[in-house]
C-alpha atoms as a PDB file:
ATOM      1  CA  UNK A   1     -73.230 -29.112  88.892  1.00  0.00           C
ATOM      2  CA  UNK A   2     -73.386 -28.071  92.456  1.00  0.00           C
ATOM      3  CA  UNK A   3     -76.202 -25.545  92.675  1.00  0.00           C
ATOM      4  CA  UNK A   4     -75.474 -25.015  96.277  1.00  0.00           C
ATOM      5  CA  UNK A   5     -72.288 -23.384  95.389  1.00  0.00           C
ATOM      6  CA  UNK A   6     -73.563 -21.513  92.290  1.00  0.00           C
ATOM      7  CA  UNK A   7     -76.621 -20.009  93.925  1.00  0.00           C
ATOM      8  CA  UNK A   8     -74.651 -18.085  96.577  1.00  0.00           C
ATOM      9  CA  UNK A   9     -72.236 -16.966  93.937  1.00  0.00           C
ATOM     10  CA  UNK A  10     -75.074 -15.811  91.664  1.00  0.00           C
ATOM     11  CA  UNK A  11     -76.745 -14.067  94.574  1.00  0.00           C
ATOM     12  CA  UNK A  12     -73.457 -12.421  95.449  1.00  0.00           C
ATOM     13  CA  UNK A  13     -72.959 -11.277  91.874  1.00  0.00           C
ATOM     14  CA  UNK A  14     -76.536  -9.999  91.633  1.00  0.00           C
ATOM     15  CA  UNK A  15     -76.131  -8.226  94.960  1.00  0.00           C
ATOM     16  CA  UNK A  16     -72.846  -6.724  93.871  1.00  0.00           C
ATOM     17  CA  UNK A  17     -74.402  -5.695  90.588  1.00  0.00           C
ATOM     18  CA  UNK A  18     -77.407  -4.182  92.319  1.00  0.00           C
ATOM     19  CA  UNK A  19     -75.148  -2.525  94.849  1.00  0.00           C
ATOM     20  CA  UNK A  20     -73.036  -1.113  92.044  1.00  0.00           C
ATOM     21  CA  UNK A  21     -76.111   0.116  90.224  1.00  0.00           C
ATOM     22  CA  UNK A  22     -77.521   1.589  93.413  1.00  0.00           C
ATOM     23  CA  UNK A  23     -74.100   3.135  94.215  1.00  0.00           C
ATOM     24  CA  UNK A  24     -73.877   4.572  90.732  1.00  0.00           C
ATOM     25  CA  UNK A  25     -77.345   5.990  91.077  1.00  0.00           C
ATOM     26  CA  UNK A  26     -76.505   7.429  94.466  1.00  0.00           C
ATOM     27  CA  UNK A  27     -73.206   8.857  93.165  1.00  0.00           C
ATOM     28  CA  UNK A  28     -74.979  10.272  90.128  1.00  0.00           C
ATOM     29  CA  UNK A  29     -77.636  11.760  92.331  1.00  0.00           C
ATOM     30  CA  UNK A  30     -75.006  13.240  94.619  1.00  0.00           C
ATOM     31  CA  UNK A  31     -73.111  14.559  91.564  1.00  0.00           C
ATOM     32  CA  UNK A  32     -76.318  16.113  90.255  1.00  0.00           C
ATOM     33  CA  UNK A  33     -77.008  17.563  93.684  1.00  0.00           C
ATOM     34  CA  UNK A  34     -73.450  18.896  93.840  1.00  0.00           C
ATOM     35  CA  UNK A  35     -73.767  20.264  90.304  1.00  0.00           C
ATOM     36  CA  UNK A  36     -77.088  21.859  91.174  1.00  0.00           C
ATOM     37  CA  UNK A  37     -75.561  23.183  94.364  1.00  0.00           C
ATOM     38  CA  UNK A  38     -72.571  24.499  92.379  1.00  0.00           C
ATOM     39  CA  UNK A  39     -74.821  26.045  89.781  1.00  0.00           C
ATOM     40  CA  UNK A  40     -76.891  27.597  92.551  1.00  0.00           C
ATOM     41  CA  UNK A  41     -73.713  28.832  94.210  1.00  0.00           C
ATOM     42  CA  UNK A  42     -72.494  30.150  90.843  1.00  0.00           C
ATOM     43  CA  UNK A  43     -75.815  31.863  90.230  1.00  0.00           C
ATOM     44  CA  UNK A  44     -75.717  33.263  93.748  1.00  0.00           C
ATOM     45  CA  UNK A  45     -72.135  34.340  93.201  1.00  0.00           C
ATOM     46  CA  UNK A  46     -73.068  35.987  89.922  1.00  0.00           C
ATOM     47  CA  UNK A  47     -76.012  37.653  91.632  1.00  0.00           C
ATOM     48  CA  UNK A  48     -73.813  38.905  94.458  1.00  0.00           C
ATOM     49  CA  UNK A  49     -71.144  39.940  91.946  1.00  0.00           C
ATOM     50  CA  UNK A  50     -73.779  41.901  90.004  1.00  0.00           C
ATOM     51  CA  UNK A  51     -74.920  43.497  93.270  1.00  0.00           C
ATOM     52  CA  UNK A  52     -71.284  44.234  94.109  1.00  0.00           C
ATOM     53  CA  UNK A  53     -70.751  45.831  90.723  1.00  0.00           C
ATOM     54  CA  UNK A  54     -73.941  47.810  91.168  1.00  0.00           C
ATOM     55  CA  UNK A  55     -72.815  48.853  94.657  1.00  0.00           C
ATOM     56  CA  UNK A  56     -69.340  49.738  93.320  1.00  0.00           C
ATOM     57  CA  UNK A  57     -70.860  51.779  90.513  1.00  0.00           C
ATOM     58  CA  UNK A  58     -73.148  53.456  93.042  1.00  0.00           C
ATOM     59  CA  UNK A  59     -70.118  54.027  95.260  1.00  0.00           C
ATOM     60  CA  UNK A  60     -68.206  55.643  92.377  1.00  0.00           C
ATOM     61  CA  UNK A  61     -71.234  57.751  91.545  1.00  0.00           C
ATOM     62  CA  UNK A  62     -71.508  58.788  95.179  1.00  0.00           C
ATOM     63  CA  UNK A  63     -67.795  59.643  95.226  1.00  0.00           C
ATOM     64  CA  UNK A  64     -68.282  61.790  92.099  1.00  0.00           C
ATOM     65  CA  UNK A  65     -71.319  63.431  93.673  1.00  0.00           C
ATOM     66  CA  UNK A  66     -69.326  63.967  96.876  1.00  0.00           C
ATOM     67  CA  UNK A  67     -66.497  65.582  94.888  1.00  0.00           C
ATOM     68  CA  UNK A  68     -68.982  67.782  93.042  1.00  0.00           C
ATOM     69  CA  UNK A  69     -70.583  68.681  96.356  1.00  0.00           C
ATOM     70  CA  UNK A  70     -67.179  69.621  97.768  1.00  0.00           C
ATOM     71  CA  UNK A  71     -66.445  71.773  94.699  1.00  0.00           C
ATOM     72  CA  UNK A  72     -69.881  73.377  94.916  1.00  0.00           C
ATOM     73  CA  UNK A  73     -69.346  73.889  98.630  1.00  0.00           C
ATOM     74  CA  UNK A  74     -65.991  75.566  97.971  1.00  0.00           C
ATOM     75  CA  UNK A  75     -67.575  77.753  95.264  1.00  0.00           C
ATOM     76  CA  UNK A  76     -70.459  78.651  97.571  1.00  0.00           C
ATOM     77  CA  UNK A  77     -67.980  79.398 100.351  1.00  0.00           C
ATOM     78  CA  UNK A  78     -65.975  81.626  98.018  1.00  0.00           C
ATOM     79  CA  UNK A  79     -69.140  83.413  96.867  1.00  0.00           C
ATOM     80  CA  UNK A  80     -70.185  83.795 100.488  1.00  0.00           C
ATOM     81  CA  UNK A  81     -66.820  85.332 101.403  1.00  0.00           C
ATOM     82  CA  UNK A  82     -67.066  87.640  98.385  1.00  0.00           C
ATOM     83  CA  UNK A  83     -70.609  88.575  99.410  1.00  0.00           C
ATOM     84  CA  UNK A  84     -69.428  89.283 102.966  1.00  0.00           C
ATOM     85  CA  UNK A  85     -66.563  91.406 101.646  1.00  0.00           C
ATOM     86  CA  UNK A  86     -68.945  93.219  99.294  1.00  0.00           C
ATOM     87  CA  UNK A  87     -71.369  93.756 102.165  1.00  0.00           C
ATOM     88  CA  UNK A  88     -68.580  95.208 104.307  1.00  0.00           C
ATOM     89  CA  UNK A  89     -67.485  97.488 101.479  1.00  0.00           C
ATOM     90  CA  UNK A  90     -71.063  98.570 100.819  1.00  0.00           C
ATOM     91  CA  UNK A  91     -71.517  99.329 104.518  1.00  0.00           C
ATOM     92  CA  UNK A  92     -68.333 101.428 104.421  1.00  0.00           C
ATOM     93  CA  UNK A  93     -69.550 103.233 101.289  1.00  0.00           C
ATOM     94  CA  UNK A  94     -72.922 103.749 102.929  1.00  0.00           C
ATOM     95  CA  UNK A  95     -71.303 105.294 105.993  1.00  0.00           C
ATOM     96  CA  UNK A  96     -69.176 107.504 103.739  1.00  0.00           C
ATOM     97  CA  UNK A  97     -72.273 108.553 101.801  1.00  0.00           C
ATOM     98  CA  UNK A  98     -74.083 109.314 105.036  1.00  0.00           C
ATOM     99  CA  UNK A  99     -71.174 111.471 106.195  1.00  0.00           C
ATOM    100  CA  UNK A 100     -71.031 113.216 102.802  1.00  0.00           C
ATOM    101  CA  UNK A 101     -74.793 113.710 102.926  1.00  0.00           C
ATOM    102  CA  UNK A 102     -74.486 115.333 106.334  1.00  0.00           C
ATOM    103  CA  UNK A 103     -71.752 117.639 105.047  1.00  0.00           C
ATOM    104  CA  UNK A 104     -73.823 118.516 101.962  1.00  0.00           C
ATOM    105  CA  UNK A 105     -76.864 119.231 104.102  1.00  0.00           C
ATOM    106  CA  UNK A 106     -74.760 121.554 106.269  1.00  0.00           C
ATOM    107  CA  UNK A 107     -73.342 123.232 103.147  1.00  0.00           C
ATOM    108  CA  UNK A 108     -76.838 123.598 101.689  1.00  0.00           C
ATOM    109  CA  UNK A 109     -77.975 125.217 104.905  1.00  0.00           C
ATOM    110  CA  UNK A 110     -75.078 127.689 104.675  1.00  0.00           C
ATOM    111  CA  UNK A 111     -75.863 128.405 101.019  1.00  0.00           C
ATOM    112  CA  UNK A 112     -79.506 128.983 101.859  1.00  0.00           C
ATOM    113  CA  UNK A 113     -78.424 131.496 104.490  1.00  0.00           C
ATOM    114  CA  UNK A 114     -76.172 133.243 101.992  1.00  0.00           C
ATOM    115  CA  UNK A 115     -78.978 133.189  99.417  1.00  0.00           C
ATOM    116  CA  UNK A 116     -81.254 134.924 101.866  1.00  0.00           C
ATOM    117  CA  UNK A 117     -78.553 137.518 102.493  1.00  0.00           C
ATOM    118  CA  UNK A 118     -78.140 138.019  98.744  1.00  0.00           C
ATOM    119  CA  UNK A 119     -81.881 138.393  98.295  1.00  0.00           C
ATOM    120  CA  UNK A 120     -81.932 140.975 101.067  1.00  0.00           C
ATOM    121  CA  UNK A 121     -79.079 142.831  99.394  1.00  0.00           C
ATOM    122  CA  UNK A 122     -80.696 142.527  95.941  1.00  0.00           C
ATOM    123  CA  UNK A 123     -81.424 146.199  95.738  1.00  0.00           C
ATOM    124  CA  UNK A 124     -77.799 147.027  96.437  1.00  0.00           C
ATOM    125  CA  UNK A 125     -76.722 144.556  93.773  1.00  0.00           C
ATOM    126  CA  UNK A 126     -79.072 146.151  91.252  1.00  0.00           C
ATOM    127  CA  UNK A 127     -77.484 149.516  91.938  1.00  0.00           C
ATOM    128  CA  UNK A 128     -73.998 148.030  91.605  1.00  0.00           C
ATOM    129  CA  UNK A 129     -74.995 146.325  88.361  1.00  0.00           C
ATOM    130  CA  UNK A 130     -76.245 149.653  86.984  1.00  0.00           C
ATOM    131  CA  UNK A 131     -72.962 151.317  87.962  1.00  0.00           C
ATOM    132  CA  UNK A 132     -71.052 148.436  86.339  1.00  0.00           C
ATOM    133  CA  UNK A 133     -73.025 148.857  83.109  1.00  0.00           C
ATOM    134  CA  UNK A 134     -72.301 152.559  83.120  1.00  0.00           C
ATOM    135  CA  UNK A 135     -68.597 151.857  83.737  1.00  0.00           C
ATOM    136  CA  UNK A 136     -68.513 149.379  80.875  1.00  0.00           C
ATOM    137  CA  UNK A 137     -70.110 151.931  78.555  1.00  0.00           C
ATOM    138  CA  UNK A 138     -67.657 154.572  79.703  1.00  0.00           C
ATOM    139  CA  UNK A 139     -64.796 152.087  79.258  1.00  0.00           C
ATOM    140  CA  UNK A 140     -65.831 151.448  75.643  1.00  0.00           C
ATOM    141  CA  UNK A 141     -65.912 155.187  74.973  1.00  0.00           C
ATOM    142  CA  UNK A 142     -62.500 155.627  76.598  1.00  0.00           C
ATOM    143  CA  UNK A 143     -61.051 152.738  74.552  1.00  0.00           C
ATOM    144  CA  UNK A 144     -62.359 154.351  71.366  1.00  0.00           C
ATOM    145  CA  UNK A 145     -60.810 157.662  72.422  1.00  0.00           C
ATOM    146  CA  UNK A 146     -57.489 155.963  73.210  1.00  0.00           C
ATOM    147  CA  UNK A 147     -57.536 154.290  69.774  1.00  0.00           C
ATOM    148  CA  UNK A 148     -58.041 157.709  68.149  1.00  0.00           C
ATOM    149  CA  UNK A 149     -55.194 159.176  70.208  1.00  0.00           C
ATOM    150  CA  UNK A 150     -52.921 156.283  69.212  1.00  0.00           C
ATOM    151  CA  UNK A 151     -53.730 156.922  65.555  1.00  0.00           C
ATOM    152  CA  UNK A 152     -52.931 160.614  65.973  1.00  0.00           C
ATOM    153  CA  UNK A 153     -49.719 159.730  67.851  1.00  0.00           C
ATOM    154  CA  UNK A 154     -48.694 157.403  65.027  1.00  0.00           C
ATOM    155  CA  UNK A 155     -49.343 160.188  62.508  1.00  0.00           C
ATOM    156  CA  UNK A 156     -47.280 162.558  64.627  1.00  0.00           C
ATOM    157  CA  UNK A 157     -44.452 160.003  64.774  1.00  0.00           C
ATOM    158  CA  UNK A 158     -44.477 159.661  61.017  1.00  0.00           C
ATOM    159  CA  UNK A 159     -44.425 163.440  60.652  1.00  0.00           C
ATOM    160  CA  UNK A 160     -41.499 163.643  63.100  1.00  0.00           C
ATOM    161  CA  UNK A 161     -39.598 160.997  61.164  1.00  0.00           C
ATOM    162  CA  UNK A 162     -40.253 162.881  57.922  1.00  0.00           C
ATOM    163  CA  UNK A 163     -39.057 166.136  59.468  1.00  0.00           C
ATOM    164  CA  UNK A 164     -35.975 164.377  60.855  1.00  0.00           C
ATOM    165  CA  UNK A 165     -35.112 163.075  57.400  1.00  0.00           C
ATOM    166  CA  UNK A 166     -35.665 166.525  55.912  1.00  0.00           C
ATOM    167  CA  UNK A 167     -33.446 168.124  58.578  1.00  0.00           C
ATOM    168  CA  UNK A 168     -30.808 165.470  57.995  1.00  0.00           C
ATOM    169  CA  UNK A 169     -30.881 166.263  54.283  1.00  0.00           C
ATOM    170  CA  UNK A 170     -30.277 169.969  54.931  1.00  0.00           C
ATOM    171  CA  UNK A 171     -27.770 169.469  57.760  1.00  0.00           C
ATOM    172  CA  UNK A 172     -24.063 169.385  57.000  1.00  0.00           C
ATOM    173  CA  UNK A 173     -22.980 165.740  57.266  1.00  0.00           C
ATOM    174  CA  UNK A 174     -20.030 164.967  59.583  1.00  0.00           C
ATOM    175  CA  UNK A 175     -16.715 163.720  58.293  1.00  0.00           C
ATOM    176  CA  UNK A 176     -17.630 160.194  57.156  1.00  0.00           C
ATOM    177  CA  UNK A 177     -15.785 157.104  58.346  1.00  0.00           C
ATOM    178  CA  UNK A 178     -15.013 154.124  56.168  1.00  0.00           C
ATOM    179  CA  UNK A 179     -18.013 152.053  57.170  1.00  0.00           C
ATOM    180  CA  UNK A 180     -16.835 149.268  54.830  1.00  0.00           C
ATOM    181  CA  UNK A 181     -14.421 148.219  57.602  1.00  0.00           C
ATOM    182  CA  UNK A 182     -17.467 146.704  59.304  1.00  0.00           C
ATOM    183  CA  UNK A 183     -17.900 143.070  58.257  1.00  0.00           C
ATOM    184  CA  UNK A 184     -21.063 142.795  56.123  1.00  0.00           C
ATOM    185  CA  UNK A 185     -21.060 146.386  54.781  1.00  0.00           C
ATOM    186  CA  UNK A 186     -20.032 146.965  51.180  1.00  0.00           C
ATOM    187  CA  UNK A 187     -20.007 150.123  49.045  1.00  0.00           C
ATOM    188  CA  UNK A 188     -23.725 149.897  48.177  1.00  0.00           C
ATOM    189  CA  UNK A 189     -24.803 149.391  51.790  1.00  0.00           C
ATOM    190  CA  UNK A 190     -22.458 152.200  52.902  1.00  0.00           C
ATOM    191  CA  UNK A 191     -24.191 154.463  50.395  1.00  0.00           C
ATOM    192  CA  UNK A 192     -27.604 153.415  51.742  1.00  0.00           C
ATOM    193  CA  UNK A 193     -26.471 154.164  55.310  1.00  0.00           C
ATOM    194  CA  UNK A 194     -25.176 157.579  54.272  1.00  0.00           C
ATOM    195  CA  UNK A 195     -28.541 158.332  52.638  1.00  0.00           C
ATOM    196  CA  UNK A 196     -30.155 157.319  55.908  1.00  0.00           C
ATOM    197  CA  UNK A 197     -28.023 159.850  57.806  1.00  0.00           C
ATOM    198  CA  UNK A 198     -25.387 157.420  59.126  1.00  0.00           C
ATOM    199  CA  UNK A 199     -21.832 158.488  58.234  1.00  0.00           C
ATOM    200  CA  UNK A 200     -19.620 157.665  61.227  1.00  0.00           C
ATOM    201  CA  UNK A 201     -18.787 154.681  63.387  1.00  0.00           C
ATOM    202  CA  UNK A 202     -20.348 156.527  66.341  1.00  0.00           C
ATOM    203  CA  UNK A 203     -23.650 157.014  64.494  1.00  0.00           C
ATOM    204  CA  UNK A 204     -23.685 153.380  63.384  1.00  0.00           C
ATOM    205  CA  UNK A 205     -22.860 152.174  66.914  1.00  0.00           C
ATOM    206  CA  UNK A 206     -25.738 154.205  68.366  1.00  0.00           C
ATOM    207  CA  UNK A 207     -28.255 153.277  65.648  1.00  0.00           C
ATOM    208  CA  UNK A 208     -30.973 150.787  66.657  1.00  0.00           C
ATOM    209  CA  UNK A 209     -30.859 147.534  64.713  1.00  0.00           C
ATOM    210  CA  UNK A 210     -34.508 148.098  63.738  1.00  0.00           C
ATOM    211  CA  UNK A 211     -33.524 151.340  61.982  1.00  0.00           C
ATOM    212  CA  UNK A 212     -30.695 149.610  60.109  1.00  0.00           C
ATOM    213  CA  UNK A 213     -33.019 146.784  59.057  1.00  0.00           C
ATOM    214  CA  UNK A 214     -35.614 149.319  57.858  1.00  0.00           C
ATOM    215  CA  UNK A 215     -32.981 151.020  55.658  1.00  0.00           C
ATOM    216  CA  UNK A 216     -32.125 147.622  54.113  1.00  0.00           C
ATOM    217  CA  UNK A 217     -35.788 146.642  53.655  1.00  0.00           C
ATOM    218  CA  UNK A 218     -36.631 149.926  51.918  1.00  0.00           C
ATOM    219  CA  UNK A 219     -33.735 149.355  49.498  1.00  0.00           C
ATOM    220  CA  UNK A 220     -35.392 146.254  48.037  1.00  0.00           C
ATOM    221  CA  UNK A 221     -35.030 142.458  48.084  1.00  0.00           C
ATOM    222  CA  UNK A 222     -31.352 142.621  47.126  1.00  0.00           C
ATOM    223  CA  UNK A 223     -30.461 144.135  50.527  1.00  0.00           C
ATOM    224  CA  UNK A 224     -33.141 142.541  52.699  1.00  0.00           C
ATOM    225  CA  UNK A 225     -31.063 139.362  52.983  1.00  0.00           C
ATOM    226  CA  UNK A 226     -28.328 141.165  54.981  1.00  0.00           C
ATOM    227  CA  UNK A 227     -28.300 140.935  58.776  1.00  0.00           C
ATOM    228  CA  UNK A 228     -27.187 144.129  60.597  1.00  0.00           C
ATOM    229  CA  UNK A 229     -27.210 142.480  64.018  1.00  0.00           C
ATOM    230  CA  UNK A 230     -23.439 142.842  64.631  1.00  0.00           C
ATOM    231  CA  UNK A 231     -22.858 146.172  62.877  1.00  0.00           C
ATOM    232  CA  UNK A 232     -23.348 148.406  65.957  1.00  0.00           C
ATOM    233  CA  UNK A 233     -20.963 146.237  68.003  1.00  0.00           C
ATOM    234  CA  UNK A 234     -18.297 146.274  65.282  1.00  0.00           C
ATOM    235  CA  UNK A 235     -18.751 150.059  64.823  1.00  0.00           C
ATOM    236  CA  UNK A 236     -18.286 150.665  68.550  1.00  0.00           C
ATOM    237  CA  UNK A 237     -15.001 148.760  68.505  1.00  0.00           C
ATOM    238  CA  UNK A 238     -13.920 150.863  65.488  1.00  0.00           C
ATOM    239  CA  UNK A 239     -14.994 154.080  67.227  1.00  0.00           C
ATOM    240  CA  UNK A 240     -13.077 153.098  70.400  1.00  0.00           C
ATOM    241  CA  UNK A 241     -10.021 152.014  68.373  1.00  0.00           C
ATOM    242  CA  UNK A 242     -10.119 148.396  69.601  1.00  0.00           C
ATOM    243  CA  UNK A 243      -8.861 146.923  66.363  1.00  0.00           C
ATOM    244  CA  UNK A 244      -7.534 143.676  67.825  1.00  0.00           C
ATOM    245  CA  UNK A 245     -10.894 142.922  69.391  1.00  0.00           C
ATOM    246  CA  UNK A 246     -12.561 143.877  66.096  1.00  0.00           C
ATOM    247  CA  UNK A 247     -10.363 141.428  64.173  1.00  0.00           C
ATOM    248  CA  UNK A 248     -11.084 138.670  66.698  1.00  0.00           C
ATOM    249  CA  UNK A 249     -14.826 139.340  66.384  1.00  0.00           C
ATOM    250  CA  UNK A 250     -14.733 139.460  62.573  1.00  0.00           C
ATOM    251  CA  UNK A 251     -12.835 136.137  62.476  1.00  0.00           C
ATOM    252  CA  UNK A 252     -15.878 134.606  64.146  1.00  0.00           C
ATOM    253  CA  UNK A 253     -18.314 136.157  61.626  1.00  0.00           C
ATOM    254  CA  UNK A 254     -19.311 135.184  58.128  1.00  0.00           C
ATOM    255  CA  UNK A 255     -20.748 137.968  55.975  1.00  0.00           C
ATOM    256  CA  UNK A 256     -21.433 140.047  59.102  1.00  0.00           C
ATOM    257  CA  UNK A 257     -23.338 137.171  60.729  1.00  0.00           C
ATOM    258  CA  UNK A 258     -22.234 134.800  63.526  1.00  0.00           C
ATOM    259  CA  UNK A 259     -20.728 131.707  61.841  1.00  0.00           C
END
């Protein structure tokens, strides 16, 4: 065997093997360094990402705070404007009150002057008050006297009415008319009217409605329901001979009453 040839080959193989081992070690070292560098970069990235997230969260918080500040600022501005408006209104009210106070002070001064005048004229007022009291007392006495006179007048009126009825009873009655022609008057009511001194159309036309109603009321409930309101008008038409107008009027009546 030719060792001269084998030795260089062996050396070359050993060198290549050592070189490969050394290269592998170097590559492994570089890979580890790169991995460490990557891990460091990743950790740094994660750290920066965490800081970014923290900064973003802080930014969002600051934006929320800024929005709240703007809202609070707007509310404060609105309250300030309201306060300014209220202040202006209060100043106006104050000026009005001052003016009113001045007017009241002037009025009080006038009233004080009048009060002094009244106090000075107090004696005259006392005299007037005494006269007024005397007048009131005299007025009461006069009212009592008037009431008595009214009572006596009423008694006299009743006596006159009684005498009138008595005179009517003794007087010769006129030629009676047929009062039954009047719508609402029947034989019984005609008899009542004759007893009350009413015999003719003229007398019935001139009779007050109150007198006719009193005759009916005194005759009892059976006759109180009748209404003599149109009897004088109908009687006047009969007295004046206006029969057509009487018929037209009676066509509009029902039982002597307006339909």
